[in-house]
C-alpha atoms as a PDB file:
ATOM      1  CA  MET A   1      51.952  -3.459 -51.132  1.00  0.00           C
ATOM      2  CA  THR A   2      54.922  -2.692 -48.890  1.00  0.00           C
ATOM      3  CA  GLU A   3      58.272  -4.439 -49.147  1.00  0.00           C
ATOM      4  CA  TYR A   4      57.578  -6.332 -45.916  1.00  0.00           C
ATOM      5  CA  GLN A   5      54.235  -7.541 -47.270  1.00  0.00           C
ATOM      6  CA  LYS A   6      55.956  -8.751 -50.441  1.00  0.00           C
ATOM      7  CA  GLN A   7      58.530 -10.655 -48.393  1.00  0.00           C
ATOM      8  CA  TRP A   8      55.784 -12.165 -46.257  1.00  0.00           C
ATOM      9  CA  ALA A   9      53.799 -13.248 -49.324  1.00  0.00           C
ATOM     10  CA  MET A  10      56.877 -14.779 -50.954  1.00  0.00           C
ATOM     11  CA  ALA A  11      57.709 -16.678 -47.756  1.00  0.00           C
ATOM     12  CA  ARG A  12      54.106 -17.913 -47.539  1.00  0.00           C
ATOM     13  CA  ASP A  13      54.204 -19.081 -51.160  1.00  0.00           C
ATOM     14  CA  GLU A  14      57.463 -20.963 -50.544  1.00  0.00           C
ATOM     15  CA  LEU A  15      55.907 -22.623 -47.506  1.00  0.00           C
ATOM     16  CA  ALA A  16      52.847 -23.583 -49.575  1.00  0.00           C
ATOM     17  CA  ALA A  17      55.088 -25.170 -52.222  1.00  0.00           C
ATOM     18  CA  ALA A  18      57.079 -27.065 -49.585  1.00  0.00           C
ATOM     19  CA  LEU A  19      53.905 -28.333 -47.910  1.00  0.00           C
ATOM     20  CA  ALA A  20      52.422 -29.418 -51.241  1.00  0.00           C
ATOM     21  CA  GLY A  21      55.673 -31.190 -52.098  1.00  0.00           C
ATOM     22  CA  ALA A  22      55.530 -33.050 -48.785  1.00  0.00           C
ATOM     23  CA  GLY A  23      51.933 -34.122 -49.395  1.00  0.00           C
ATOM     24  CA  TYR A  24      50.160 -31.637 -47.141  1.00  0.00           C
ATOM     25  CA  PRO A  25      47.409 -29.230 -48.235  1.00  0.00           C
ATOM     26  CA  GLU A  26      48.645 -25.847 -49.501  1.00  0.00           C
ATOM     27  CA  GLU A  27      45.887 -24.095 -47.520  1.00  0.00           C
ATOM     28  CA  LEU A  28      47.771 -25.001 -44.369  1.00  0.00           C
ATOM     29  CA  ALA A  29      50.513 -22.564 -45.419  1.00  0.00           C
ATOM     30  CA  ASP A  30      48.238 -19.548 -45.088  1.00  0.00           C
ATOM     31  CA  LEU A  31      47.156 -20.541 -41.587  1.00  0.00           C
ATOM     32  CA  MET A  32      50.730 -21.188 -40.526  1.00  0.00           C
ATOM     33  CA  ALA A  33      52.005 -17.966 -42.072  1.00  0.00           C
ATOM     34  CA  ARG A  34      49.393 -15.908 -40.244  1.00  0.00           C
ATOM     35  CA  HIS A  35      50.345 -17.569 -36.967  1.00  0.00           C
ATOM     36  CA  LEU A  36      54.103 -17.255 -37.500  1.00  0.00           C
ATOM     37  CA  LYS A  37      53.762 -13.586 -38.550  1.00  0.00           C
ATOM     38  CA  SER A  38      57.260 -12.880 -39.922  1.00  0.00           C
ATOM     39  CA  PRO A  39      59.005 -13.953 -43.124  1.00  0.00           C
ATOM     40  CA  LYS A  40      61.964 -15.242 -41.101  1.00  0.00           C
ATOM     41  CA  ALA A  41      59.749 -17.489 -38.960  1.00  0.00           C
ATOM     42  CA  ILE A  42      57.897 -18.689 -42.063  1.00  0.00           C
ATOM     43  CA  GLY A  43      61.262 -19.457 -43.651  1.00  0.00           C
ATOM     44  CA  ARG A  44      62.262 -21.539 -40.634  1.00  0.00           C
ATOM     45  CA  MET A  45      59.034 -23.502 -40.980  1.00  0.00           C
ATOM     46  CA  THR A  46      59.679 -23.983 -44.704  1.00  0.00           C
ATOM     47  CA  ASP A  47      63.144 -25.373 -43.946  1.00  0.00           C
ATOM     48  CA  TYR A  48      61.631 -27.768 -41.429  1.00  0.00           C
ATOM     49  CA  VAL A  49      59.144 -29.057 -44.012  1.00  0.00           C
ATOM     50  CA  ARG A  50      61.738 -29.291 -46.804  1.00  0.00           C
ATOM     51  CA  HIS A  51      64.123 -31.332 -44.687  1.00  0.00           C
ATOM     52  CA  GLY A  52      61.408 -33.928 -44.170  1.00  0.00           C
ATOM     53  CA  TYR A  53      61.228 -33.743 -40.397  1.00  0.00           C
ATOM     54  CA  ALA A  54      57.421 -33.514 -40.342  1.00  0.00           C
ATOM     55  CA  ARG A  55      55.904 -36.960 -40.457  1.00  0.00           C
ATOM     56  CA  SER A  56      52.442 -35.890 -39.349  1.00  0.00           C
ATOM     57  CA  MET A  57      50.195 -32.852 -39.040  1.00  0.00           C
ATOM     58  CA  GLU A  58      50.810 -32.928 -35.288  1.00  0.00           C
ATOM     59  CA  MET A  59      54.557 -32.575 -35.838  1.00  0.00           C
ATOM     60  CA  LEU A  60      53.936 -29.628 -38.152  1.00  0.00           C
ATOM     61  CA  ALA A  61      51.752 -27.962 -35.529  1.00  0.00           C
ATOM     62  CA  ASP A  62      54.292 -28.596 -32.760  1.00  0.00           C
ATOM     63  CA  GLU A  63      57.128 -27.097 -34.796  1.00  0.00           C
ATOM     64  CA  MET A  64      54.998 -24.112 -35.779  1.00  0.00           C
ATOM     65  CA  LEU A  65      54.220 -23.447 -32.116  1.00  0.00           C
ATOM     66  CA  ALA A  66      57.884 -23.839 -31.150  1.00  0.00           C
ATOM     67  CA  ILE A  67      59.017 -21.393 -33.847  1.00  0.00           C
ATOM     68  CA  SER A  68      56.278 -18.966 -32.838  1.00  0.00           C
ATOM     69  CA  ALA A  69      57.268 -19.149 -29.165  1.00  0.00           C
ATOM     70  CA  ASP A  70      60.924 -18.631 -30.062  1.00  0.00           C
ATOM     71  CA  ALA A  71      60.099 -15.569 -32.162  1.00  0.00           C
ATOM     72  CA  GLU A  72      57.915 -14.128 -29.402  1.00  0.00           C
ATOM     73  CA  ALA A  73      60.671 -14.655 -26.817  1.00  0.00           C
ATOM     74  CA  TRP A  74      63.090 -12.821 -29.120  1.00  0.00           C
ATOM     75  CA  ARG A  75      60.650  -9.902 -29.496  1.00  0.00           C
ATOM     76  CA  GLU A  76      60.189  -9.690 -25.728  1.00  0.00           C
ATOM     77  CA  LYS A  77      63.956  -9.770 -25.192  1.00  0.00           C
ATOM     78  CA  LYS A  78      64.459  -6.900 -27.651  1.00  0.00           C
ATOM     79  CA  GLU A  79      61.697  -4.849 -25.999  1.00  0.00           C
ATOM     80  CA  SER A  80      63.269  -5.464 -22.608  1.00  0.00           C
ATOM     81  CA  GLN A  81      66.710  -4.446 -23.863  1.00  0.00           C
ATOM     82  CA  GLU A  82      65.288  -1.251 -25.329  1.00  0.00           C
ATOM     83  CA  ALA A  83      63.503  -0.397 -22.087  1.00  0.00           C
ATOM     84  CA  GLN A  84      66.650  -1.122 -20.085  1.00  0.00           C
ATOM     85  CA  ALA A  85      68.720   1.128 -22.374  1.00  0.00           C
ATOM     86  CA  LYS A  86      66.248   3.989 -21.900  1.00  0.00           C
ATOM     87  CA  TYR A  87      66.267   3.498 -18.129  1.00  0.00           C
ATOM     88  CA  ASN A  88      70.070   3.466 -18.074  1.00  0.00           C
ATOM     89  CA  GLU A  89      70.128   6.667 -20.112  1.00  0.00           C
ATOM     90  CA  TYR A  90      67.701   8.258 -17.651  1.00  0.00           C
ATOM     91  CA  LEU A  91      69.889   7.244 -14.703  1.00  0.00           C
ATOM     92  CA  TYR A  92      73.007   8.538 -16.446  1.00  0.00           C
ATOM     93  CA  ARG A  93      71.424  11.913 -17.208  1.00  0.00           C
ATOM     94  CA  ARG A  94      70.162  12.152 -13.660  1.00  0.00           C
ATOM     95  CA  ARG A  95      73.607  11.409 -12.300  1.00  0.00           C
ATOM     96  CA  MET A  96      75.236  14.013 -14.554  1.00  0.00           C
ATOM     97  CA  ASN A  97      72.553  16.644 -13.820  1.00  0.00           C
ATOM     98  CA  PRO A  98      71.265  15.996 -10.294  1.00  0.00           C
ATOM     99  CA  ASP A  99      69.217  19.237 -10.281  1.00  0.00           C
ATOM    100  CA  ASP A 100      67.091  18.222 -13.294  1.00  0.00           C
ATOM    101  CA  PRO A 101      63.790  16.449 -12.519  1.00  0.00           C
END
């Protein structure tokens, strides 16, 4: 098991404990963890449950979707920044060496 997998499993277990403590089924943690994908996102969901904001299953689902959308937007932003950096590097090289293809 890789270090990332260990972190993910620990985050999932913490979410399961928080859900059980709030009166929700522990099995829900596995479904949420698979949807959230990263230990950081799972940790955000665990904090939400521990602070008692979730008063219904619908609220849990809404927050899970919001966290997931936020994480996906962050990933897309980072991919875009990386692509922009590579494009800028290409333009810079082209400007410094106009004869190169």
